[in-house]
N, C-alpha and C. Protein backbone atom coordinates (compact mmCIF):
# COMPACT_ATOMS: atom_id res chain seq x y z
N MET A 1 -12.51 -11.35 15.67
CA MET A 1 -11.65 -10.76 14.69
C MET A 1 -12.15 -9.91 13.81
N PHE A 2 -11.71 -8.51 14.78
CA PHE A 2 -12.38 -7.71 13.79
C PHE A 2 -11.75 -6.90 12.50
N GLU A 3 -12.00 -7.11 11.45
CA GLU A 3 -10.48 -6.21 10.12
C GLU A 3 -11.48 -5.02 9.91
N LEU A 4 -10.89 -3.44 9.72
CA LEU A 4 -10.96 -2.95 9.46
C LEU A 4 -10.05 -2.43 8.30
N LYS A 5 -10.81 -1.41 6.93
CA LYS A 5 -10.65 -1.12 6.30
C LYS A 5 -9.94 0.00 6.06
N ILE A 6 -9.73 0.88 4.64
CA ILE A 6 -9.64 2.02 3.96
C ILE A 6 -9.29 2.15 3.26
N ILE A 7 -9.28 2.15 2.21
CA ILE A 7 -9.13 3.20 1.03
C ILE A 7 -8.49 4.78 0.30
N THR A 8 -7.28 4.26 -0.03
CA THR A 8 -6.83 5.71 -0.70
C THR A 8 -6.43 5.62 -2.54
N ASP A 9 -5.58 6.94 -2.47
CA ASP A 9 -5.09 6.29 -3.91
C ASP A 9 -4.36 7.98 -3.21
N PHE A 10 -3.08 7.82 -4.60
CA PHE A 10 -2.06 8.33 -5.28
C PHE A 10 -1.99 7.88 -6.82
N ALA A 11 -0.66 8.71 -7.68
CA ALA A 11 -1.13 8.48 -8.85
C ALA A 11 1.15 9.50 -8.97
N ALA A 12 1.29 7.75 -10.25
CA ALA A 12 2.58 7.55 -9.97
C ALA A 12 3.04 7.25 -11.52
N ALA A 13 3.99 7.50 -11.68
CA ALA A 13 4.65 6.64 -13.46
C ALA A 13 5.42 5.42 -13.10
N HIS A 14 6.02 4.53 -13.85
CA HIS A 14 6.99 3.66 -13.97
C HIS A 14 6.92 2.85 -14.92
N GLN A 15 8.34 2.11 -14.59
CA GLN A 15 8.08 1.58 -15.90
C GLN A 15 8.73 0.07 -15.88
N LEU A 16 7.91 -1.16 -16.32
CA LEU A 16 8.10 -2.11 -15.97
C LEU A 16 9.30 -3.74 -17.22
N ALA A 17 10.26 -3.66 -16.80
CA ALA A 17 10.30 -4.56 -17.47
C ALA A 17 10.24 -6.49 -17.99
N MET A 18 10.27 -7.10 -19.07
CA MET A 18 9.94 -8.75 -18.53
C MET A 18 8.27 -8.76 -18.52
N VAL A 19 7.73 -7.27 -19.36
CA VAL A 19 6.42 -7.48 -19.19
C VAL A 19 5.40 -7.85 -20.62
N SER A 20 4.39 -7.34 -20.66
CA SER A 20 3.95 -7.08 -21.83
C SER A 20 4.64 -5.32 -22.74
N GLN A 21 5.10 -5.89 -23.53
CA GLN A 21 5.72 -4.36 -24.49
C GLN A 21 4.91 -3.32 -24.28
N LYS A 22 3.40 -3.17 -23.82
CA LYS A 22 2.94 -1.79 -23.41
C LYS A 22 3.40 -1.35 -22.02
N CYS A 23 3.55 -2.44 -21.50
CA CYS A 23 4.31 -1.99 -19.90
C CYS A 23 5.70 -1.87 -19.99
N GLU A 24 6.23 -1.82 -20.56
CA GLU A 24 7.62 -1.90 -20.72
C GLU A 24 8.13 0.05 -21.62
N GLU A 25 6.83 0.60 -21.59
CA GLU A 25 7.27 2.12 -21.85
C GLU A 25 7.36 2.76 -20.70
N LEU A 26 7.51 3.68 -20.42
CA LEU A 26 6.68 4.91 -19.33
C LEU A 26 5.98 4.59 -19.53
N HIS A 27 4.77 4.57 -18.01
CA HIS A 27 3.75 5.01 -18.30
C HIS A 27 3.20 5.27 -17.06
N GLY A 28 2.67 5.82 -16.26
CA GLY A 28 1.79 6.00 -15.75
C GLY A 28 -0.29 5.06 -15.02
N HIS A 29 -0.14 5.20 -13.99
CA HIS A 29 -1.44 5.24 -13.78
C HIS A 29 -2.12 6.33 -12.07
N ASN A 30 -2.83 5.78 -11.89
CA ASN A 30 -3.81 6.56 -10.70
C ASN A 30 -4.60 5.50 -10.09
N TRP A 31 -3.09 4.33 -9.00
CA TRP A 31 -3.41 4.10 -7.87
C TRP A 31 -4.33 4.00 -7.08
N LYS A 32 -5.70 2.80 -6.82
CA LYS A 32 -6.11 3.01 -5.43
C LYS A 32 -5.96 2.08 -4.79
N ILE A 33 -5.28 2.41 -3.28
CA ILE A 33 -4.48 1.11 -2.15
C ILE A 33 -5.79 1.51 -1.54
N GLU A 34 -6.66 -0.27 -1.04
CA GLU A 34 -7.28 -0.76 -0.36
C GLU A 34 -5.80 -1.46 1.19
N VAL A 35 -6.31 -0.75 2.52
CA VAL A 35 -5.18 -1.02 3.41
C VAL A 35 -6.36 -1.94 4.69
N CYS A 36 -5.64 -4.02 4.51
CA CYS A 36 -6.79 -3.79 5.80
C CYS A 36 -5.99 -4.19 6.97
N LEU A 37 -6.56 -3.61 8.13
CA LEU A 37 -5.78 -4.83 9.31
C LEU A 37 -7.27 -5.53 10.06
N GLN A 38 -6.43 -6.28 10.64
CA GLN A 38 -6.78 -6.65 11.89
C GLN A 38 -6.60 -6.96 13.59
N GLY A 39 -7.78 -7.63 14.73
CA GLY A 39 -6.69 -7.21 15.95
C GLY A 39 -8.00 -8.17 16.04
N GLU A 40 -7.56 -8.84 17.41
CA GLU A 40 -8.61 -10.12 18.17
C GLU A 40 -9.69 -8.48 19.56
N LYS A 41 -9.80 -7.78 19.65
CA LYS A 41 -10.29 -6.97 20.27
C LYS A 41 -10.38 -5.67 20.65
N LEU A 42 -11.26 -4.95 20.44
CA LEU A 42 -11.10 -3.72 20.15
C LEU A 42 -10.52 -2.45 21.79
N ASN A 43 -10.35 -1.64 21.84
CA ASN A 43 -10.29 -0.50 22.61
C ASN A 43 -10.92 -0.64 23.40
N GLU A 44 -10.79 0.99 24.57
CA GLU A 44 -11.62 1.31 25.54
C GLU A 44 -12.52 2.01 24.59
N ALA A 45 -12.68 2.74 23.71
CA ALA A 45 -13.57 3.45 23.01
C ALA A 45 -13.87 2.69 21.90
N GLY A 46 -14.36 1.20 21.64
CA GLY A 46 -14.95 0.46 21.57
C GLY A 46 -14.52 0.12 20.31
N VAL A 47 -12.88 0.24 19.44
CA VAL A 47 -12.34 0.31 18.03
C VAL A 47 -11.72 0.21 18.44
N LEU A 48 -11.15 -1.02 16.96
CA LEU A 48 -10.24 -1.62 16.96
C LEU A 48 -9.11 -0.77 17.26
N ILE A 49 -8.95 0.77 16.40
CA ILE A 49 -8.19 1.04 16.42
C ILE A 49 -8.86 2.88 15.58
N ASP A 50 -8.29 3.89 15.56
CA ASP A 50 -9.04 5.27 15.27
C ASP A 50 -8.63 4.94 13.64
N PHE A 51 -9.55 5.50 13.03
CA PHE A 51 -9.82 4.71 11.14
C PHE A 51 -8.41 6.92 11.32
N GLY A 52 -9.02 7.80 12.28
CA GLY A 52 -7.75 8.92 11.95
C GLY A 52 -6.03 8.68 11.91
N GLN A 53 -5.96 7.41 12.67
CA GLN A 53 -4.94 7.69 13.41
C GLN A 53 -4.07 6.48 11.86
N VAL A 54 -5.05 5.26 11.59
CA VAL A 54 -4.79 4.50 10.03
C VAL A 54 -3.90 5.58 9.25
N LYS A 55 -5.12 6.73 8.60
CA LYS A 55 -5.41 7.75 7.87
C LYS A 55 -4.40 8.48 7.16
N LYS A 56 -3.71 8.90 8.74
CA LYS A 56 -2.33 9.84 9.34
C LYS A 56 -1.09 9.13 8.30
N HIS A 57 -1.42 7.37 9.47
CA HIS A 57 0.39 6.90 8.71
C HIS A 57 0.25 6.86 7.38
N VAL A 58 -1.49 5.59 6.67
CA VAL A 58 -1.30 5.90 5.07
C VAL A 58 -0.76 7.04 4.64
N LYS A 59 -0.94 7.94 4.66
CA LYS A 59 -1.58 9.33 3.88
C LYS A 59 0.57 9.50 3.86
N ASP A 60 1.13 9.42 5.19
CA ASP A 60 2.68 9.37 5.71
C ASP A 60 3.09 8.36 4.35
N ILE A 61 3.49 7.07 4.54
CA ILE A 61 3.68 6.04 2.91
C ILE A 61 3.31 7.11 1.88
N MET A 62 1.60 7.39 1.65
CA MET A 62 1.55 7.56 0.47
C MET A 62 2.00 8.66 -0.02
N THR A 63 3.29 9.75 0.83
CA THR A 63 3.84 11.32 0.50
C THR A 63 4.51 10.54 -0.28
N THR A 64 5.43 9.45 0.17
CA THR A 64 6.31 8.97 -1.10
C THR A 64 6.69 7.96 -2.19
N LEU A 65 5.18 7.78 -2.38
CA LEU A 65 4.80 7.69 -3.64
C LEU A 65 4.60 8.25 -4.62
N ASP A 66 3.51 9.38 -4.33
CA ASP A 66 2.72 10.08 -5.01
C ASP A 66 3.26 10.98 -5.88
N HIS A 67 2.82 11.31 -7.09
CA HIS A 67 3.24 12.50 -8.30
C HIS A 67 5.11 11.93 -8.49
N LYS A 68 5.42 11.01 -8.08
CA LYS A 68 7.36 10.05 -8.75
C LYS A 68 7.01 9.53 -9.55
N PHE A 69 8.41 9.11 -9.94
CA PHE A 69 8.68 8.04 -10.91
C PHE A 69 8.92 6.53 -9.90
N LEU A 70 8.58 5.75 -9.70
CA LEU A 70 9.02 4.83 -9.15
C LEU A 70 10.24 3.88 -9.27
N ASN A 71 10.50 4.12 -9.87
CA ASN A 71 11.83 3.40 -10.96
C ASN A 71 12.63 4.08 -9.82
N ARG A 72 12.70 5.32 -9.73
CA ARG A 72 13.76 6.35 -9.32
C ARG A 72 14.30 5.87 -7.64
N LEU A 73 13.25 5.91 -6.99
CA LEU A 73 12.38 6.00 -5.67
C LEU A 73 14.15 4.46 -5.36
N GLU A 74 13.94 4.68 -4.58
CA GLU A 74 15.47 4.10 -3.26
C GLU A 74 14.97 2.57 -2.81
N ILE A 75 13.39 2.43 -2.90
CA ILE A 75 12.46 1.56 -2.14
C ILE A 75 12.80 0.91 -3.33
N PHE A 76 13.00 0.61 -4.30
CA PHE A 76 12.61 0.17 -6.00
C PHE A 76 13.40 -0.39 -6.10
N GLU A 77 15.24 0.92 -6.69
CA GLU A 77 16.19 0.40 -6.50
C GLU A 77 17.31 -0.93 -6.91
N ASN A 78 16.68 -1.48 -6.07
CA ASN A 78 17.85 -2.87 -5.32
C ASN A 78 17.13 -3.75 -6.48
N LYS A 79 16.31 -3.84 -7.99
CA LYS A 79 16.19 -4.85 -8.71
C LYS A 79 15.04 -5.51 -8.09
N THR A 80 14.08 -4.58 -7.70
CA THR A 80 13.13 -4.64 -7.04
C THR A 80 12.01 -4.15 -7.86
N PRO A 81 11.53 -4.82 -9.23
CA PRO A 81 10.73 -3.42 -10.14
C PRO A 81 9.31 -2.77 -9.00
N PRO A 82 8.43 -1.58 -9.72
CA PRO A 82 7.34 -1.15 -8.76
C PRO A 82 6.40 -1.58 -9.79
N SER A 83 6.33 -2.80 -9.51
CA SER A 83 4.88 -3.03 -10.22
C SER A 83 4.03 -3.60 -8.79
N SER A 84 2.29 -3.36 -9.47
CA SER A 84 1.44 -3.26 -8.40
C SER A 84 1.68 -4.89 -7.54
N GLU A 85 1.78 -5.35 -7.06
CA GLU A 85 2.59 -6.32 -6.55
C GLU A 85 3.46 -5.86 -5.22
N ASN A 86 4.94 -5.13 -5.50
CA ASN A 86 5.61 -4.17 -5.44
C ASN A 86 5.43 -3.51 -4.74
N ILE A 87 4.20 -2.78 -4.88
CA ILE A 87 3.92 -1.21 -4.82
C ILE A 87 2.98 -1.70 -3.19
N ALA A 88 2.56 -3.59 -2.95
CA ALA A 88 1.38 -3.57 -2.30
C ALA A 88 2.28 -3.70 -0.77
N VAL A 89 3.28 -4.59 -0.90
CA VAL A 89 4.68 -5.09 -0.20
C VAL A 89 4.81 -4.33 0.49
N TYR A 90 5.15 -3.47 0.25
CA TYR A 90 5.87 -2.05 0.40
C TYR A 90 5.36 -1.45 1.41
N ILE A 91 3.61 -0.90 0.68
CA ILE A 91 2.97 -0.25 1.85
C ILE A 91 2.60 -1.19 2.56
N ALA A 92 2.48 -2.30 2.87
CA ALA A 92 2.10 -3.42 4.02
C ALA A 92 3.07 -3.12 5.32
N LYS A 93 4.52 -3.17 4.41
CA LYS A 93 5.50 -3.45 5.30
C LYS A 93 6.05 -2.08 5.96
N ALA A 94 5.58 -0.96 5.18
CA ALA A 94 5.94 0.69 5.68
C ALA A 94 4.77 0.85 6.92
N LEU A 95 3.29 0.54 6.76
CA LEU A 95 2.77 0.41 7.46
C LEU A 95 3.09 -0.24 8.95
N GLU A 96 2.90 -1.89 8.58
CA GLU A 96 3.32 -2.45 10.13
C GLU A 96 4.25 -1.87 10.64
N SER A 97 5.49 -1.08 10.54
CA SER A 97 6.49 -0.94 10.83
C SER A 97 6.00 0.71 12.01
N LYS A 98 4.94 1.77 11.01
CA LYS A 98 4.54 2.74 12.29
C LYS A 98 3.71 1.80 13.06
N LEU A 99 3.08 1.56 12.98
CA LEU A 99 1.78 0.19 13.94
C LEU A 99 2.62 0.36 14.79
N ASP A 100 3.82 -0.65 14.85
CA ASP A 100 5.00 -1.03 15.96
C ASP A 100 4.34 -2.09 16.78
N ASN A 101 3.01 -2.86 16.78
CA ASN A 101 2.65 -4.02 17.67
C ASN A 101 1.30 -3.02 17.73
N THR A 102 1.16 -2.12 17.68
CA THR A 102 -0.27 -1.17 18.81
C THR A 102 -1.14 -2.65 18.57
N GLU A 103 -1.41 -2.72 20.34
CA GLU A 103 -2.17 -3.42 21.07
C GLU A 103 -2.63 -5.34 20.04
N GLY A 104 -1.23 -5.12 19.02
CA GLY A 104 -1.97 -6.65 19.11
C GLY A 104 -3.17 -6.49 17.32
N ILE A 105 -3.13 -5.52 16.71
CA ILE A 105 -3.21 -4.72 15.47
C ILE A 105 -2.25 -5.79 14.39
N ARG A 106 -3.00 -5.71 13.09
CA ARG A 106 -1.57 -5.93 11.99
C ARG A 106 -2.05 -6.31 10.73
N VAL A 107 -1.14 -5.48 9.58
CA VAL A 107 -1.47 -5.64 8.63
C VAL A 107 -2.17 -6.65 7.64
N SER A 108 -2.89 -6.70 7.78
CA SER A 108 -3.77 -7.98 7.20
C SER A 108 -3.36 -8.37 5.04
N ARG A 109 -3.92 -6.76 4.76
CA ARG A 109 -3.81 -6.94 3.37
C ARG A 109 -3.62 -6.04 2.64
N VAL A 110 -2.74 -5.42 1.77
CA VAL A 110 -2.78 -4.31 1.22
C VAL A 110 -3.62 -4.36 -0.46
N THR A 111 -3.51 -4.10 -0.86
CA THR A 111 -4.37 -4.60 -2.97
C THR A 111 -3.95 -3.15 -2.99
N ALA A 112 -3.24 -3.54 -3.81
CA ALA A 112 -2.86 -2.22 -4.81
C ALA A 112 -4.36 -2.09 -6.51
N TRP A 113 -4.94 -1.16 -6.92
CA TRP A 113 -5.49 -0.94 -8.32
C TRP A 113 -5.09 -0.47 -9.05
N GLU A 114 -4.49 -1.13 -9.84
CA GLU A 114 -3.26 0.25 -10.73
C GLU A 114 -4.54 0.03 -12.29
N SER A 115 -5.51 0.08 -12.18
CA SER A 115 -6.84 -0.15 -12.71
C SER A 115 -8.11 -0.53 -12.42
N GLU A 116 -8.96 0.24 -12.79
CA GLU A 116 -10.84 -0.56 -12.06
C GLU A 116 -10.61 -1.57 -12.52
N ASN A 117 -10.21 -2.43 -13.65
CA ASN A 117 -9.73 -3.58 -13.41
C ASN A 117 -8.89 -4.72 -12.97
N ALA A 118 -7.76 -4.03 -12.37
CA ALA A 118 -6.50 -5.34 -12.36
C ALA A 118 -5.82 -4.41 -11.23
N SER A 119 -5.78 -5.38 -10.04
CA SER A 119 -5.45 -5.24 -9.03
C SER A 119 -4.24 -6.54 -8.46
N ALA A 120 -3.32 -6.11 -7.17
CA ALA A 120 -2.77 -7.12 -6.73
C ALA A 120 -2.53 -7.31 -5.54
N ALA A 121 -2.94 -8.23 -4.89
CA ALA A 121 -2.44 -8.08 -3.20
C ALA A 121 -1.84 -8.63 -2.77
N TYR A 122 -1.41 -7.92 -1.66
CA TYR A 122 -0.09 -9.07 -0.18
C TYR A 122 -0.92 -8.98 0.75
N ILE A 123 -1.15 -10.41 0.82
CA ILE A 123 -1.72 -10.82 2.46
C ILE A 123 -0.65 -10.76 3.39
N PHE A 124 -0.52 -10.05 3.93
CA PHE A 124 0.60 -9.98 4.60
C PHE A 124 0.97 -11.33 6.57
């Protein structure tokens, strides 16, 4: 089994209800996002998947989040709070659909760091 990881980031604001009083106020983060992919075999070039291809897909996903008020985005309007956990889920599922079963490669984990010492991971 092979695993590939890329790291990217985005900045955005959100509000979370029913968490701590501090998080219920409008506030922002500079999120660091770690994306891991797994697959059983390498392609003809000797890689799982080209890093450039993965980075392009992830960059496209980041543009939907970067410098936005996340609560107002369609993906978080249906009673899905824009928590780090749900951001990780969104990114994992969006990337999985962009990969479209490319050579048996799958998203294995997405971790959303909202600060240097606080993160949430979605293990796909």
